[in-house]
């Protein structure tokens, strides 16, 4: 299966000022995603970092994911900034991570 995973607010806390350098990882969630990766699933991280500001956060985010021990297939930036995402294949964080 292919999993599209957001970063901020999903595998780490979301700072209201988008201060990504202060993000703290949710290790339990990262371990759960790494397990899926190890089982052969694709993990695609897709983030809106820089979508509103225009700043390039790719190198920083790659380093951050490495520090946190994240295993993944791809990392993409440029996800649109939004308030509500409606999709027939979407799942709520609480239902997926069960934490």
PDB file of N, CA and C in Angstrom:
ATOM      1  N   UNK A   1       0.829  -1.180   0.000  1.00  0.00           N
ATOM      2  CA  UNK A   1       0.000   0.000   0.000  1.00  0.00           C
ATOM      3  C   UNK A   1       0.875   1.247   0.000  1.00  0.00           C
ATOM      4  N   UNK A   2       0.324   2.322  -0.510  1.00  0.00           N
ATOM      5  CA  UNK A   2       1.002   3.614  -0.512  1.00  0.00           C
ATOM      6  C   UNK A   2       0.328   4.502   0.527  1.00  0.00           C
ATOM      7  N   UNK A   3       1.118   5.017   1.456  1.00  0.00           N
ATOM      8  CA  UNK A   3       0.616   5.897   2.498  1.00  0.00           C
ATOM      9  C   UNK A   3       1.163   7.302   2.277  1.00  0.00           C
ATOM     10  N   UNK A   4       0.273   8.290   2.220  1.00  0.00           N
ATOM     11  CA  UNK A   4       0.649   9.704   2.138  1.00  0.00           C
ATOM     12  C   UNK A   4       0.545  10.255   3.548  1.00  0.00           C
ATOM     13  N   UNK A   5       1.657  10.747   4.091  1.00  0.00           N
ATOM     14  CA  UNK A   5       1.707  11.169   5.482  1.00  0.00           C
ATOM     15  C   UNK A   5       2.144  12.630   5.570  1.00  0.00           C
ATOM     16  N   UNK A   6       1.364  13.413   6.282  1.00  0.00           N
ATOM     17  CA  UNK A   6       1.731  14.784   6.599  1.00  0.00           C
ATOM     18  C   UNK A   6       2.803  14.726   7.695  1.00  0.00           C
ATOM     19  N   UNK A   7       3.516  15.808   7.909  1.00  0.00           N
ATOM     20  CA  UNK A   7       4.565  15.823   8.929  1.00  0.00           C
ATOM     21  C   UNK A   7       4.106  16.573  10.180  1.00  0.00           C
ATOM     22  N   UNK A   8       3.878  17.868  10.061  1.00  0.00           N
ATOM     23  CA  UNK A   8       3.574  18.705  11.224  1.00  0.00           C
ATOM     24  C   UNK A   8       2.160  18.437  11.722  1.00  0.00           C
ATOM     25  N   UNK A   9       2.063  18.093  13.003  1.00  0.00           N
ATOM     26  CA  UNK A   9       0.789  17.736  13.597  1.00  0.00           C
ATOM     27  C   UNK A   9       0.461  16.268  13.423  1.00  0.00           C
ATOM     28  N   UNK A  10       1.292  15.536  12.674  1.00  0.00           N
ATOM     29  CA  UNK A  10       1.046  14.121  12.426  1.00  0.00           C
ATOM     30  C   UNK A  10       2.149  13.255  13.036  1.00  0.00           C
ATOM     31  N   UNK A  11       3.416  13.510  12.637  1.00  0.00           N
ATOM     32  CA  UNK A  11       4.522  12.750  13.244  1.00  0.00           C
ATOM     33  C   UNK A  11       5.341  13.617  14.194  1.00  0.00           C
ATOM     34  N   UNK A  12       4.939  14.875  14.350  1.00  0.00           N
ATOM     35  CA  UNK A  12       5.567  15.778  15.319  1.00  0.00           C
ATOM     36  C   UNK A  12       4.545  16.833  15.717  1.00  0.00           C
ATOM     37  N   UNK A  13       4.840  17.530  16.802  1.00  0.00           N
ATOM     38  CA  UNK A  13       3.932  18.594  17.203  1.00  0.00           C
ATOM     39  C   UNK A  13       3.959  19.709  16.157  1.00  0.00           C
ATOM     40  N   UNK A  14       2.912  20.501  16.131  1.00  0.00           N
ATOM     41  CA  UNK A  14       2.833  21.598  15.174  1.00  0.00           C
ATOM     42  C   UNK A  14       2.936  22.913  15.923  1.00  0.00           C
ATOM     43  N   UNK A  15       4.015  23.625  15.668  1.00  0.00           N
ATOM     44  CA  UNK A  15       4.222  24.919  16.300  1.00  0.00           C
ATOM     45  C   UNK A  15       3.335  25.949  15.607  1.00  0.00           C
ATOM     46  N   UNK A  16       2.565  26.727  16.380  1.00  0.00           N
ATOM     47  CA  UNK A  16       1.666  27.701  15.747  1.00  0.00           C
ATOM     48  C   UNK A  16       2.382  28.730  14.876  1.00  0.00           C
ATOM     49  N   UNK A  17       3.640  29.014  15.146  1.00  0.00           N
ATOM     50  CA  UNK A  17       4.394  29.979  14.346  1.00  0.00           C
ATOM     51  C   UNK A  17       5.228  29.337  13.259  1.00  0.00           C
ATOM     52  N   UNK A  18       4.995  28.042  12.994  1.00  0.00           N
ATOM     53  CA  UNK A  18       5.763  27.292  11.992  1.00  0.00           C
ATOM     54  C   UNK A  18       7.262  27.334  12.260  1.00  0.00           C
ATOM     55  N   UNK A  19       7.623  27.251  13.520  1.00  0.00           N
ATOM     56  CA  UNK A  19       9.034  27.170  13.908  1.00  0.00           C
ATOM     57  C   UNK A  19       9.440  25.694  13.893  1.00  0.00           C
ATOM     58  N   UNK A  20       9.727  25.187  12.697  1.00  0.00           N
ATOM     59  CA  UNK A  20       9.983  23.765  12.514  1.00  0.00           C
ATOM     60  C   UNK A  20      11.210  23.287  13.280  1.00  0.00           C
ATOM     61  N   UNK A  21      12.114  24.190  13.597  1.00  0.00           N
ATOM     62  CA  UNK A  21      13.318  23.803  14.330  1.00  0.00           C
ATOM     63  C   UNK A  21      12.990  23.344  15.744  1.00  0.00           C
ATOM     64  N   UNK A  22      11.830  23.717  16.251  1.00  0.00           N
ATOM     65  CA  UNK A  22      11.424  23.325  17.607  1.00  0.00           C
ATOM     66  C   UNK A  22      10.495  22.119  17.624  1.00  0.00           C
ATOM     67  N   UNK A  23      10.224  21.534  16.483  1.00  0.00           N
ATOM     68  CA  UNK A  23       9.299  20.402  16.404  1.00  0.00           C
ATOM     69  C   UNK A  23       9.833  19.217  17.204  1.00  0.00           C
ATOM     70  N   UNK A  24       8.939  18.602  17.953  1.00  0.00           N
ATOM     71  CA  UNK A  24       9.267  17.409  18.741  1.00  0.00           C
ATOM     72  C   UNK A  24       8.569  16.216  18.104  1.00  0.00           C
ATOM     73  N   UNK A  25       9.311  15.147  17.821  1.00  0.00           N
ATOM     74  CA  UNK A  25       8.716  13.991  17.141  1.00  0.00           C
ATOM     75  C   UNK A  25       7.792  13.186  18.051  1.00  0.00           C
ATOM     76  N   UNK A  26       6.791  12.589  17.438  1.00  0.00           N
ATOM     77  CA  UNK A  26       5.932  11.602  18.103  1.00  0.00           C
ATOM     78  C   UNK A  26       6.515  10.232  17.750  1.00  0.00           C
ATOM     79  N   UNK A  27       7.431   9.747  18.582  1.00  0.00           N
ATOM     80  CA  UNK A  27       8.185   8.539  18.249  1.00  0.00           C
ATOM     81  C   UNK A  27       7.312   7.298  18.091  1.00  0.00           C
ATOM     82  N   UNK A  28       6.254   7.193  18.875  1.00  0.00           N
ATOM     83  CA  UNK A  28       5.363   6.036  18.748  1.00  0.00           C
ATOM     84  C   UNK A  28       4.774   5.978  17.341  1.00  0.00           C
ATOM     85  N   UNK A  29       4.373   7.131  16.828  1.00  0.00           N
ATOM     86  CA  UNK A  29       3.815   7.179  15.478  1.00  0.00           C
ATOM     87  C   UNK A  29       4.878   6.885  14.423  1.00  0.00           C
ATOM     88  N   UNK A  30       6.064   7.428  14.610  1.00  0.00           N
ATOM     89  CA  UNK A  30       7.159   7.175  13.667  1.00  0.00           C
ATOM     90  C   UNK A  30       7.494   5.683  13.633  1.00  0.00           C
ATOM     91  N   UNK A  31       7.532   5.050  14.807  1.00  0.00           N
ATOM     92  CA  UNK A  31       7.808   3.600  14.848  1.00  0.00           C
ATOM     93  C   UNK A  31       6.722   2.821  14.112  1.00  0.00           C
ATOM     94  N   UNK A  32       5.464   3.248  14.250  1.00  0.00           N
ATOM     95  CA  UNK A  32       4.368   2.568  13.562  1.00  0.00           C
ATOM     96  C   UNK A  32       4.519   2.697  12.044  1.00  0.00           C
ATOM     97  N   UNK A  33       4.881   3.873  11.582  1.00  0.00           N
ATOM     98  CA  UNK A  33       5.088   4.072  10.142  1.00  0.00           C
ATOM     99  C   UNK A  33       6.321   3.324   9.650  1.00  0.00           C
ATOM    100  N   UNK A  34       7.399   3.309  10.455  1.00  0.00           N
ATOM    101  CA  UNK A  34       8.598   2.563  10.078  1.00  0.00           C
ATOM    102  C   UNK A  34       8.295   1.072   9.952  1.00  0.00           C
ATOM    103  N   UNK A  35       7.421   0.572  10.813  1.00  0.00           N
ATOM    104  CA  UNK A  35       7.032  -0.837  10.745  1.00  0.00           C
ATOM    105  C   UNK A  35       6.325  -1.118   9.419  1.00  0.00           C
ATOM    106  N   UNK A  36       5.431  -0.232   9.019  1.00  0.00           N
ATOM    107  CA  UNK A  36       4.757  -0.392   7.729  1.00  0.00           C
ATOM    108  C   UNK A  36       5.771  -0.377   6.592  1.00  0.00           C
ATOM    109  N   UNK A  37       6.741   0.528   6.658  1.00  0.00           N
ATOM    110  CA  UNK A  37       7.794   0.599   5.641  1.00  0.00           C
ATOM    111  C   UNK A  37       8.571  -0.711   5.595  1.00  0.00           C
ATOM    112  N   UNK A  38       8.954  -1.230   6.773  1.00  0.00           N
ATOM    113  CA  UNK A  38       9.711  -2.485   6.850  1.00  0.00           C
ATOM    114  C   UNK A  38       8.921  -3.670   6.310  1.00  0.00           C
ATOM    115  N   UNK A  39       7.596  -3.567   6.371  1.00  0.00           N
ATOM    116  CA  UNK A  39       6.724  -4.630   5.851  1.00  0.00           C
ATOM    117  C   UNK A  39       6.531  -4.520   4.342  1.00  0.00           C
ATOM    118  N   UNK A  40       7.136  -3.501   3.724  1.00  0.00           N
ATOM    119  CA  UNK A  40       7.076  -3.370   2.279  1.00  0.00           C
ATOM    120  C   UNK A  40       6.127  -2.299   1.754  1.00  0.00           C
ATOM    121  N   UNK A  41       5.481  -1.585   2.641  1.00  0.00           N
ATOM    122  CA  UNK A  41       4.585  -0.508   2.215  1.00  0.00           C
ATOM    123  C   UNK A  41       5.401   0.735   1.854  1.00  0.00           C
ATOM    124  N   UNK A  42       4.829   1.600   1.031  1.00  0.00           N
ATOM    125  CA  UNK A  42       5.469   2.857   0.678  1.00  0.00           C
ATOM    126  C   UNK A  42       4.992   3.949   1.629  1.00  0.00           C
ATOM    127  N   UNK A  43       5.943   4.705   2.160  1.00  0.00           N
ATOM    128  CA  UNK A  43       5.638   5.842   3.026  1.00  0.00           C
ATOM    129  C   UNK A  43       6.088   7.093   2.289  1.00  0.00           C
ATOM    130  N   UNK A  44       5.131   7.944   1.956  1.00  0.00           N
ATOM    131  CA  UNK A  44       5.405   9.182   1.230  1.00  0.00           C
ATOM    132  C   UNK A  44       5.045  10.350   2.134  1.00  0.00           C
ATOM    133  N   UNK A  45       6.056  11.088   2.581  1.00  0.00           N
ATOM    134  CA  UNK A  45       5.809  12.284   3.376  1.00  0.00           C
ATOM    135  C   UNK A  45       5.556  13.444   2.425  1.00  0.00           C
ATOM    136  N   UNK A  46       4.494  14.193   2.715  1.00  0.00           N
ATOM    137  CA  UNK A  46       4.113  15.332   1.892  1.00  0.00           C
ATOM    138  C   UNK A  46       3.737  16.460   2.838  1.00  0.00           C
ATOM    139  N   UNK A  47       4.458  17.557   2.770  1.00  0.00           N
ATOM    140  CA  UNK A  47       4.279  18.645   3.723  1.00  0.00           C
ATOM    141  C   UNK A  47       4.019  19.975   3.033  1.00  0.00           C
ATOM    142  N   UNK A  48       3.340  20.840   3.746  1.00  0.00           N
ATOM    143  CA  UNK A  48       3.073  22.196   3.248  1.00  0.00           C
ATOM    144  C   UNK A  48       4.147  23.173   3.717  1.00  0.00           C
ATOM    145  N   UNK A  49       5.214  22.678   4.328  1.00  0.00           N
ATOM    146  CA  UNK A  49       6.286  23.564   4.776  1.00  0.00           C
ATOM    147  C   UNK A  49       6.760  24.435   3.612  1.00  0.00           C
ATOM    148  N   UNK A  50       6.682  25.731   3.793  1.00  0.00           N
ATOM    149  CA  UNK A  50       7.121  26.677   2.775  1.00  0.00           C
ATOM    150  C   UNK A  50       6.062  27.029   1.747  1.00  0.00           C
ATOM    151  N   UNK A  51       4.925  26.358   1.755  1.00  0.00           N
ATOM    152  CA  UNK A  51       3.895  26.635   0.745  1.00  0.00           C
ATOM    153  C   UNK A  51       3.377  28.066   0.827  1.00  0.00           C
ATOM    154  N   UNK A  52       3.230  28.576   2.034  1.00  0.00           N
ATOM    155  CA  UNK A  52       2.739  29.949   2.181  1.00  0.00           C
ATOM    156  C   UNK A  52       3.877  30.965   2.165  1.00  0.00           C
ATOM    157  N   UNK A  53       5.008  30.611   2.791  1.00  0.00           N
ATOM    158  CA  UNK A  53       6.116  31.562   2.918  1.00  0.00           C
ATOM    159  C   UNK A  53       7.028  31.605   1.699  1.00  0.00           C
ATOM    160  N   UNK A  54       7.057  30.518   0.937  1.00  0.00           N
ATOM    161  CA  UNK A  54       7.966  30.441  -0.202  1.00  0.00           C
ATOM    162  C   UNK A  54       9.373  29.993   0.182  1.00  0.00           C
ATOM    163  N   UNK A  55       9.615  29.780   1.475  1.00  0.00           N
ATOM    164  CA  UNK A  55      10.935  29.343   1.934  1.00  0.00           C
ATOM    165  C   UNK A  55      11.129  27.862   1.606  1.00  0.00           C
ATOM    166  N   UNK A  56      12.338  27.497   1.207  1.00  0.00           N
ATOM    167  CA  UNK A  56      12.658  26.105   0.883  1.00  0.00           C
ATOM    168  C   UNK A  56      13.107  25.377   2.144  1.00  0.00           C
ATOM    169  N   UNK A  57      12.274  24.468   2.623  1.00  0.00           N
ATOM    170  CA  UNK A  57      12.553  23.706   3.835  1.00  0.00           C
ATOM    171  C   UNK A  57      13.018  22.271   3.540  1.00  0.00           C
ATOM    172  N   UNK A  58      13.281  21.944   2.285  1.00  0.00           N
ATOM    173  CA  UNK A  58      13.558  20.548   1.930  1.00  0.00           C
ATOM    174  C   UNK A  58      14.791  19.982   2.647  1.00  0.00           C
ATOM    175  N   UNK A  59      15.928  20.648   2.551  1.00  0.00           N
ATOM    176  CA  UNK A  59      17.144  20.114   3.188  1.00  0.00           C
ATOM    177  C   UNK A  59      16.956  19.967   4.699  1.00  0.00           C
ATOM    178  N   UNK A  60      16.375  20.981   5.315  1.00  0.00           N
ATOM    179  CA  UNK A  60      16.140  20.917   6.757  1.00  0.00           C
ATOM    180  C   UNK A  60      15.225  19.747   7.104  1.00  0.00           C
ATOM    181  N   UNK A  61      14.142  19.587   6.339  1.00  0.00           N
ATOM    182  CA  UNK A  61      13.172  18.527   6.632  1.00  0.00           C
ATOM    183  C   UNK A  61      13.790  17.152   6.426  1.00  0.00           C
ATOM    184  N   UNK A  62      14.588  16.971   5.385  1.00  0.00           N
ATOM    185  CA  UNK A  62      15.279  15.692   5.174  1.00  0.00           C
ATOM    186  C   UNK A  62      16.177  15.364   6.360  1.00  0.00           C
ATOM    187  N   UNK A  63      16.914  16.360   6.839  1.00  0.00           N
ATOM    188  CA  UNK A  63      17.789  16.166   7.998  1.00  0.00           C
ATOM    189  C   UNK A  63      16.969  15.834   9.231  1.00  0.00           C
ATOM    190  N   UNK A  64      15.866  16.544   9.425  1.00  0.00           N
ATOM    191  CA  UNK A  64      15.002  16.305  10.582  1.00  0.00           C
ATOM    192  C   UNK A  64      14.445  14.879  10.564  1.00  0.00           C
ATOM    193  N   UNK A  65      13.969  14.427   9.423  1.00  0.00           N
ATOM    194  CA  UNK A  65      13.444  13.064   9.325  1.00  0.00           C
ATOM    195  C   UNK A  65      14.540  12.039   9.628  1.00  0.00           C
ATOM    196  N   UNK A  66      15.750  12.331   9.185  1.00  0.00           N
ATOM    197  CA  UNK A  66      16.882  11.437   9.477  1.00  0.00           C
ATOM    198  C   UNK A  66      17.160  11.406  10.982  1.00  0.00           C
ATOM    199  N   UNK A  67      17.172  12.574  11.640  1.00  0.00           N
ATOM    200  CA  UNK A  67      17.396  12.634  13.091  1.00  0.00           C
ATOM    201  C   UNK A  67      16.355  11.808  13.840  1.00  0.00           C
ATOM    202  N   UNK A  68      15.135  11.870  13.354  1.00  0.00           N
ATOM    203  CA  UNK A  68      14.045  11.166  14.026  1.00  0.00           C
ATOM    204  C   UNK A  68      13.996   9.683  13.674  1.00  0.00           C
ATOM    205  N   UNK A  69      14.807   9.236  12.731  1.00  0.00           N
ATOM    206  CA  UNK A  69      14.846   7.828  12.352  1.00  0.00           C
ATOM    207  C   UNK A  69      13.712   7.405  11.439  1.00  0.00           C
ATOM    208  N   UNK A  70      13.148   8.338  10.702  1.00  0.00           N
ATOM    209  CA  UNK A  70      12.019   8.041   9.814  1.00  0.00           C
ATOM    210  C   UNK A  70      12.501   7.284   8.575  1.00  0.00           C
ATOM    211  N   UNK A  71      11.792   6.225   8.268  1.00  0.00           N
ATOM    212  CA  UNK A  71      12.033   5.486   7.033  1.00  0.00           C
ATOM    213  C   UNK A  71      10.931   5.891   6.066  1.00  0.00           C
ATOM    214  N   UNK A  72      11.306   6.173   4.813  1.00  0.00           N
ATOM    215  CA  UNK A  72      10.283   6.620   3.875  1.00  0.00           C
ATOM    216  C   UNK A  72      10.728   6.410   2.444  1.00  0.00           C
ATOM    217  N   UNK A  73       9.754   6.453   1.564  1.00  0.00           N
ATOM    218  CA  UNK A  73       9.980   6.264   0.145  1.00  0.00           C
ATOM    219  C   UNK A  73      10.320   7.589  -0.519  1.00  0.00           C
ATOM    220  N   UNK A  74       9.503   8.624  -0.250  1.00  0.00           N
ATOM    221  CA  UNK A  74       9.749   9.945  -0.813  1.00  0.00           C
ATOM    222  C   UNK A  74       9.370  11.025   0.191  1.00  0.00           C
ATOM    223  N   UNK A  75       9.946  12.198  -0.013  1.00  0.00           N
ATOM    224  CA  UNK A  75       9.570  13.410   0.713  1.00  0.00           C
ATOM    225  C   UNK A  75       9.231  14.454  -0.334  1.00  0.00           C
ATOM    226  N   UNK A  76       8.043  15.034  -0.224  1.00  0.00           N
ATOM    227  CA  UNK A  76       7.627  16.088  -1.151  1.00  0.00           C
ATOM    228  C   UNK A  76       7.177  17.300  -0.367  1.00  0.00           C
ATOM    229  N   UNK A  77       7.582  18.458  -0.837  1.00  0.00           N
ATOM    230  CA  UNK A  77       7.093  19.713  -0.299  1.00  0.00           C
ATOM    231  C   UNK A  77       6.168  20.318  -1.340  1.00  0.00           C
ATOM    232  N   UNK A  78       5.432  21.332  -0.958  1.00  0.00           N
ATOM    233  CA  UNK A  78       4.536  21.968  -1.910  1.00  0.00           C
ATOM    234  C   UNK A  78       3.090  21.551  -1.757  1.00  0.00           C
ATOM    235  N   UNK A  79       2.791  20.808  -0.701  1.00  0.00           N
ATOM    236  CA  UNK A  79       1.404  20.483  -0.414  1.00  0.00           C
ATOM    237  C   UNK A  79       0.662  21.797  -0.197  1.00  0.00           C
ATOM    238  N   UNK A  80      -0.520  21.939  -0.732  1.00  0.00           N
ATOM    239  CA  UNK A  80      -1.223  23.215  -0.560  1.00  0.00           C
ATOM    240  C   UNK A  80      -1.574  23.488   0.895  1.00  0.00           C
ATOM    241  N   UNK A  81      -1.603  24.745   1.248  1.00  0.00           N
ATOM    242  CA  UNK A  81      -2.011  25.158   2.576  1.00  0.00           C
ATOM    243  C   UNK A  81      -3.542  25.144   2.612  1.00  0.00           C
ATOM    244  N   UNK A  82      -4.130  24.548   3.642  1.00  0.00           N
ATOM    245  CA  UNK A  82      -5.583  24.405   3.692  1.00  0.00           C
ATOM    246  C   UNK A  82      -6.057  24.340   5.139  1.00  0.00           C
ATOM    247  N   UNK A  83      -7.351  24.446   5.321  1.00  0.00           N
ATOM    248  CA  UNK A  83      -7.950  24.303   6.644  1.00  0.00           C
ATOM    249  C   UNK A  83      -8.672  22.962   6.793  1.00  0.00           C
ATOM    250  N   UNK A  84      -9.285  22.480   5.746  1.00  0.00           N
ATOM    251  CA  UNK A  84      -9.988  21.190   5.779  1.00  0.00           C
ATOM    252  C   UNK A  84      -9.665  20.443   4.489  1.00  0.00           C
ATOM    253  N   UNK A  85      -9.295  19.181   4.625  1.00  0.00           N
ATOM    254  CA  UNK A  85      -9.006  18.336   3.471  1.00  0.00           C
ATOM    255  C   UNK A  85     -10.075  17.249   3.444  1.00  0.00           C
ATOM    256  N   UNK A  86     -10.792  17.152   2.351  1.00  0.00           N
ATOM    257  CA  UNK A  86     -11.845  16.143   2.213  1.00  0.00           C
ATOM    258  C   UNK A  86     -11.433  15.199   1.103  1.00  0.00           C
ATOM    259  N   UNK A  87     -11.390  13.924   1.424  1.00  0.00           N
ATOM    260  CA  UNK A  87     -10.938  12.931   0.465  1.00  0.00           C
ATOM    261  C   UNK A  87     -11.592  11.603   0.811  1.00  0.00           C
ATOM    262  N   UNK A  88     -11.985  10.834  -0.192  1.00  0.00           N
ATOM    263  CA  UNK A  88     -12.655   9.564   0.079  1.00  0.00           C
ATOM    264  C   UNK A  88     -11.731   8.515   0.686  1.00  0.00           C
ATOM    265  N   UNK A  89     -10.427   8.724   0.639  1.00  0.00           N
ATOM    266  CA  UNK A  89      -9.490   7.765   1.217  1.00  0.00           C
ATOM    267  C   UNK A  89      -8.817   8.301   2.467  1.00  0.00           C
ATOM    268  N   UNK A  90      -9.253   9.458   2.937  1.00  0.00           N
ATOM    269  CA  UNK A  90      -8.641  10.075   4.122  1.00  0.00           C
ATOM    270  C   UNK A  90      -9.049   9.320   5.385  1.00  0.00           C
ATOM    271  N   UNK A  91      -8.180   9.405   6.409  1.00  0.00           N
ATOM    272  CA  UNK A  91      -8.456   8.787   7.704  1.00  0.00           C
ATOM    273  C   UNK A  91      -7.968   9.746   8.786  1.00  0.00           C
ATOM    274  N   UNK A  92      -8.730   9.850   9.845  1.00  0.00           N
ATOM    275  CA  UNK A  92      -8.371  10.741  10.949  1.00  0.00           C
ATOM    276  C   UNK A  92      -7.168  10.193  11.706  1.00  0.00           C
ATOM    277  N   UNK A  93      -6.341  11.097  12.220  1.00  0.00           N
ATOM    278  CA  UNK A  93      -5.153  10.691  12.987  1.00  0.00           C
ATOM    279  C   UNK A  93      -5.508   9.712  14.098  1.00  0.00           C
ATOM    280  N   UNK A  94      -6.552  10.034  14.850  1.00  0.00           N
ATOM    281  CA  UNK A  94      -6.935   9.201  15.995  1.00  0.00           C
ATOM    282  C   UNK A  94      -7.303   7.786  15.579  1.00  0.00           C
ATOM    283  N   UNK A  95      -7.909   7.650  14.407  1.00  0.00           N
ATOM    284  CA  UNK A  95      -8.287   6.318  13.928  1.00  0.00           C
ATOM    285  C   UNK A  95      -7.081   5.519  13.432  1.00  0.00           C
ATOM    286  N   UNK A  96      -6.112   6.203  12.826  1.00  0.00           N
ATOM    287  CA  UNK A  96      -4.944   5.503  12.288  1.00  0.00           C
ATOM    288  C   UNK A  96      -3.939   5.159  13.361  1.00  0.00           C
ATOM    289  N   UNK A  97      -3.556   6.134  14.181  1.00  0.00           N
ATOM    290  CA  UNK A  97      -2.500   5.909  15.165  1.00  0.00           C
ATOM    291  C   UNK A  97      -3.011   5.308  16.464  1.00  0.00           C
ATOM    292  N   UNK A  98      -4.289   5.495  16.759  1.00  0.00           N
ATOM    293  CA  UNK A  98      -4.894   4.909  17.954  1.00  0.00           C
ATOM    294  C   UNK A  98      -4.092   5.211  19.213  1.00  0.00           C
ATOM    295  N   UNK A  99      -3.677   6.486  19.355  1.00  0.00           N
ATOM    296  CA  UNK A  99      -2.950   6.844  20.556  1.00  0.00           C
ATOM    297  C   UNK A  99      -3.739   7.871  21.316  1.00  0.00           C
TER     298      UNK A  99
END
